[in-house]
Protein backbone atom coordinates (compact mmCIF):
# COMPACT_ATOMS: atom_id res chain seq x y z
CA MET A 1 194.15 86.10 109.52
CA SER A 2 190.78 87.58 108.94
CA THR A 3 187.47 85.99 110.01
CA TYR A 4 185.08 85.87 107.48
CA ASN A 5 181.28 86.11 108.29
CA TYR A 6 178.24 85.80 106.07
CA VAL A 7 177.31 88.83 104.22
CA GLY A 8 175.42 89.45 100.59
CA ILE A 9 174.34 92.15 97.63
CA PRO A 10 171.32 93.68 95.46
CA GLN A 11 171.92 95.06 91.43
CA SER A 12 172.20 98.20 88.59
CA THR A 13 174.38 99.54 85.78
CA PHE A 14 177.57 100.72 87.75
CA TYR A 15 180.50 100.50 85.52
CA ASP A 16 180.36 103.85 84.12
CA THR A 17 180.20 105.30 87.76
CA LEU A 18 183.31 103.59 89.44
CA HIS A 19 186.23 105.91 90.78
CA PRO A 20 189.57 104.59 92.38
CA ILE A 21 189.71 102.68 95.43
CA PRO A 22 191.01 104.41 98.44
CA THR A 23 194.30 102.87 99.58
CA GLU A 24 194.49 103.19 103.08
CA ARG A 25 192.26 101.24 105.07
CA SER A 26 192.83 103.15 108.43
CA LEU A 27 191.89 106.27 106.77
CA SER A 28 188.05 107.76 106.29
CA CYS A 29 186.04 107.91 103.75
CA SER A 30 187.30 111.70 103.04
CA SER A 31 190.95 110.23 102.42
CA ALA A 32 189.97 107.85 99.97
CA SER A 33 192.72 108.90 97.24
CA THR A 34 195.65 107.41 99.01
CA SER A 35 198.09 105.58 96.53
CA GLU A 36 196.80 102.20 95.59
CA SER A 37 200.19 100.41 96.30
CA HIS A 38 199.26 100.73 100.20
CA TRP A 39 196.83 98.28 99.55
CA GLU A 40 199.72 95.69 98.86
CA ASP A 41 200.78 96.06 102.57
CA ASP A 42 197.16 95.41 103.87
CA GLU A 43 197.08 91.86 105.48
CA SER A 44 193.74 91.49 103.94
CA MET A 45 194.72 92.47 100.46
CA LYS A 46 197.48 89.86 100.07
CA ARG A 47 195.07 87.99 97.40
CA SER A 48 194.82 91.05 95.30
CA PRO A 49 193.85 90.47 91.81
CA LYS A 50 196.01 90.18 88.82
CA LYS A 51 196.07 92.54 85.89
CA GLY A 52 193.72 91.85 82.91
CA VAL A 53 190.73 91.93 85.87
CA SER A 54 187.60 94.45 85.32
CA THR A 55 188.04 97.45 87.50
CA PHE A 56 184.72 96.20 89.18
CA ILE A 57 185.77 92.86 89.94
CA SER A 58 189.00 94.18 91.17
CA LYS A 59 187.20 96.67 93.78
CA LEU A 60 184.51 93.99 94.62
CA PHE A 61 187.39 91.44 95.59
CA SER A 62 189.18 94.15 97.31
CA ILE A 63 185.94 95.14 99.33
CA VAL A 64 184.96 91.63 100.21
CA ASN A 65 188.52 90.95 101.78
CA ASP A 66 188.70 94.15 103.70
CA ALA A 67 188.49 93.17 107.34
CA HIS A 68 186.90 96.22 108.08
CA ASN A 69 183.69 95.67 106.21
CA GLN A 70 183.06 92.22 107.64
CA HIS A 71 180.05 93.41 109.64
CA LEU A 72 178.53 94.23 106.24
CA ILE A 73 180.08 92.21 103.62
CA ALA A 74 182.11 88.84 103.84
CA TRP A 75 182.79 85.55 102.37
CA ASN A 76 181.09 82.24 103.37
CA ASN A 77 182.99 79.57 105.36
CA THR A 78 184.47 77.95 102.11
CA GLY A 79 185.03 81.27 100.55
CA THR A 80 183.11 80.43 97.50
CA SER A 81 180.49 83.27 97.76
CA PHE A 82 179.70 86.37 100.13
CA PHE A 83 176.98 87.98 101.87
CA ILE A 84 175.73 91.65 102.60
CA TYR A 85 173.80 91.72 105.81
CA ASN A 86 172.41 95.20 105.95
CA ALA A 87 172.15 96.97 102.36
CA THR A 88 171.24 100.42 103.75
CA ARG A 89 174.53 100.46 105.87
CA PHE A 90 176.58 98.82 103.18
CA SER A 91 175.32 101.86 100.62
CA GLN A 92 176.18 104.24 103.11
CA ASP A 93 179.45 102.95 104.71
CA VAL A 94 181.26 101.02 101.90
CA LEU A 95 179.77 101.98 98.51
CA PRO A 96 180.79 105.75 98.58
CA ILE A 97 184.45 104.83 99.49
CA HIS A 98 185.28 102.85 96.32
CA PHE A 99 182.44 104.01 93.80
CA LYS A 100 181.29 107.42 92.99
CA HIS A 101 177.49 106.84 94.18
CA SER A 102 176.11 104.75 96.96
CA ASN A 103 173.02 103.52 94.73
CA TYR A 104 172.92 99.60 96.20
CA SER A 105 170.17 98.59 93.44
CA SER A 106 172.72 99.77 90.76
CA PHE A 107 175.42 97.64 92.64
CA VAL A 108 173.37 94.36 92.33
CA ARG A 109 172.45 95.11 88.61
CA GLN A 110 176.14 95.24 87.84
CA LEU A 111 176.60 92.18 89.62
CA ASN A 112 174.24 90.66 87.59
CA MET A 113 175.49 91.80 84.42
CA TYR A 114 179.09 90.04 85.69
CA GLY A 115 177.01 86.82 85.87
CA PHE A 116 176.61 86.61 89.72
CA HIS A 117 174.01 84.53 91.17
CA LYS A 118 171.84 85.69 94.11
CA ILE A 119 170.51 83.46 96.78
CA ASN A 120 168.32 84.60 98.95
CA LYS A 121 169.09 83.72 102.53
CA SER A 122 166.43 85.99 104.84
CA PRO A 123 163.86 84.71 106.88
CA ARG A 124 160.61 85.14 105.23
CA GLY A 125 159.31 87.72 107.73
CA GLN A 126 162.34 89.89 106.76
CA ARG A 127 162.29 90.06 103.18
CA GLY A 128 161.57 93.48 101.50
CA SER A 129 163.62 95.30 104.12
CA ASN A 130 167.14 96.35 103.26
CA GLU A 131 168.06 96.80 106.87
CA TYR A 132 167.54 93.24 108.11
CA GLU A 133 167.30 91.47 104.63
CA VAL A 134 170.63 89.29 103.76
CA TRP A 135 171.72 88.48 100.27
CA GLU A 136 174.08 85.79 99.22
CA PHE A 137 175.98 86.01 95.87
CA SER A 138 178.38 83.56 94.02
CA HIS A 139 180.17 83.25 90.97
CA LYS A 140 182.20 80.44 89.81
CA ASN A 141 184.95 82.40 89.34
CA PHE A 142 184.75 84.56 92.08
CA GLN A 143 186.59 82.74 95.45
CA ARG A 144 188.34 83.87 98.27
CA ASP A 145 191.48 81.71 98.10
CA ASN A 146 192.08 81.89 93.98
CA SER A 147 192.29 85.20 92.68
CA SER A 148 193.92 83.94 89.35
CA LEU A 149 190.15 83.17 88.40
CA LEU A 150 188.99 86.83 88.38
CA GLU A 151 190.39 87.52 84.70
CA ASP A 152 187.37 84.89 83.59
CA ILE A 153 184.76 87.15 85.00
CA LYS A 154 183.21 88.67 82.23
CA ARG A 155 180.76 91.50 81.78
CA LYS A 156 177.67 90.03 79.67
CA THR A 157 177.19 91.39 76.27
CA MET A 158 173.91 91.70 74.74
CA ASP A 159 173.12 88.75 72.14
CA SER A 160 172.17 89.47 68.73
CA GLU A 161 168.56 88.69 69.38
CA LEU A 162 168.31 91.14 72.39
CA LEU A 163 169.85 93.89 70.00
CA ARG A 164 167.39 92.98 67.32
CA ARG A 165 164.39 93.58 69.83
CA GLU A 166 165.97 96.51 71.27
CA ASN A 167 166.30 98.09 67.82
CA GLY A 168 162.85 96.98 66.55
CA ASP A 169 161.88 98.72 69.91
CA VAL A 170 163.40 101.89 69.12
CA HIS A 171 162.23 101.66 65.45
CA ALA A 172 158.55 101.22 67.09
CA SER A 173 159.00 104.26 69.18
CA LEU A 174 160.17 106.46 66.83
CA ALA A 175 157.08 105.61 64.46
CA THR A 176 154.90 106.13 67.52
CA MET A 177 156.38 109.19 68.02
CA GLN A 178 156.08 110.66 64.42
CA GLN A 179 152.55 109.38 64.30
CA TYR A 180 151.68 111.51 67.38
CA GLN A 181 153.49 114.36 65.70
CA ALA A 182 151.64 114.11 62.48
CA ASN A 183 148.49 114.27 64.77
CA LEU A 184 149.73 117.04 66.52
CA LEU A 185 150.07 118.94 63.46
CA ARG A 186 146.89 118.15 61.85
CA GLN A 187 145.28 119.26 65.16
CA LEU A 188 147.15 122.48 64.94
CA LYS A 189 146.05 123.38 61.29
CA THR A 190 142.49 122.29 62.41
CA LEU A 191 142.70 124.91 65.02
CA GLN A 192 144.27 127.43 62.58
CA GLU A 193 141.49 127.19 60.19
CA SER A 194 139.15 127.24 62.91
CA TYR A 195 140.88 130.72 64.13
CA SER A 196 140.73 132.10 60.37
CA ASN A 197 137.10 131.14 60.14
CA LEU A 198 136.12 132.81 63.47
CA LEU A 199 137.83 136.08 62.55
CA GLN A 200 136.49 135.89 59.00
CA ASN A 201 132.75 135.51 60.72
CA MET A 202 133.78 138.29 63.15
CA GLU A 203 134.58 140.49 60.44
CA GLU A 204 131.60 139.88 58.20
CA MET A 205 129.34 140.61 61.28
CA LYS A 206 131.18 143.93 61.96
CA LYS A 207 130.13 144.91 58.53
CA THR A 208 126.66 143.82 58.66
CA GLN A 209 126.46 145.65 61.89
CA ASP A 210 127.85 148.73 60.46
CA GLN A 211 125.37 148.58 57.73
CA GLN A 212 122.51 148.20 60.15
CA GLN A 213 123.58 151.50 62.24
CA ALA A 214 124.02 153.31 59.03
CA THR A 215 120.50 152.21 57.84
CA ILE A 216 119.07 153.33 61.31
CA ARG A 217 120.83 156.74 61.28
CA LYS A 218 119.20 157.21 57.64
CA LEU A 219 115.77 156.42 58.95
CA LEU A 220 115.95 158.71 62.04
CA ASP A 221 117.13 161.40 59.82
CA TYR A 222 114.17 160.93 57.57
CA ALA A 223 111.75 160.84 60.33
CA ILE A 224 113.43 163.90 61.72
CA GLN A 225 112.84 165.63 58.66
CA THR A 226 109.49 164.41 58.07
CA SER A 227 108.20 165.74 61.54
CA SER A 228 109.98 169.26 60.90
CA SER A 229 108.30 169.82 57.87
CA ASN A 230 104.82 169.06 59.14
């Protein structure tokens, strides 16, 4: 029987990046595509979840029960919560086997989406370091010896008020963008008018210069004729 140590976890959007869990724990990460039926023969997986359980929760239950992960993630003594001891190693060695990426913050956020509660167990001087910080997470329906409760763990849905606020934010952002666009168009129109005025002024200056040059030539011709007649 596997020995369960203390381990913990953090948060992020993880559901869309899940992929099939490897089926042979004796295999390396590169062989994680083995048939899932092999998990049923693993001593640590005899409490495997039933149908109706979300993919994320099913994989999480498998990860915590896996004896190979006990140095990084494990149940508490009563099997009512679990700990992660080294977030950096957990992200590098465990997450890539079961999910499409190793984003620890995203993993923790997904836990939060399913209603898990975080309990900080790290000493005050060690907080802020993923390598030493210990995280404990619990959910009333996530228990080592009662996998039948797993199907009651549901992902949170946004309430109507949150949706209303988010829609309001979207409309406000859209209005701001439209106002910004209108300001840019006004500025562009002003620049175009200024450019047109500049071209017109340059044309008028050229005409004036041509007229002045013509007048100077006439004066020079008159002066030459006058001096010749004398």
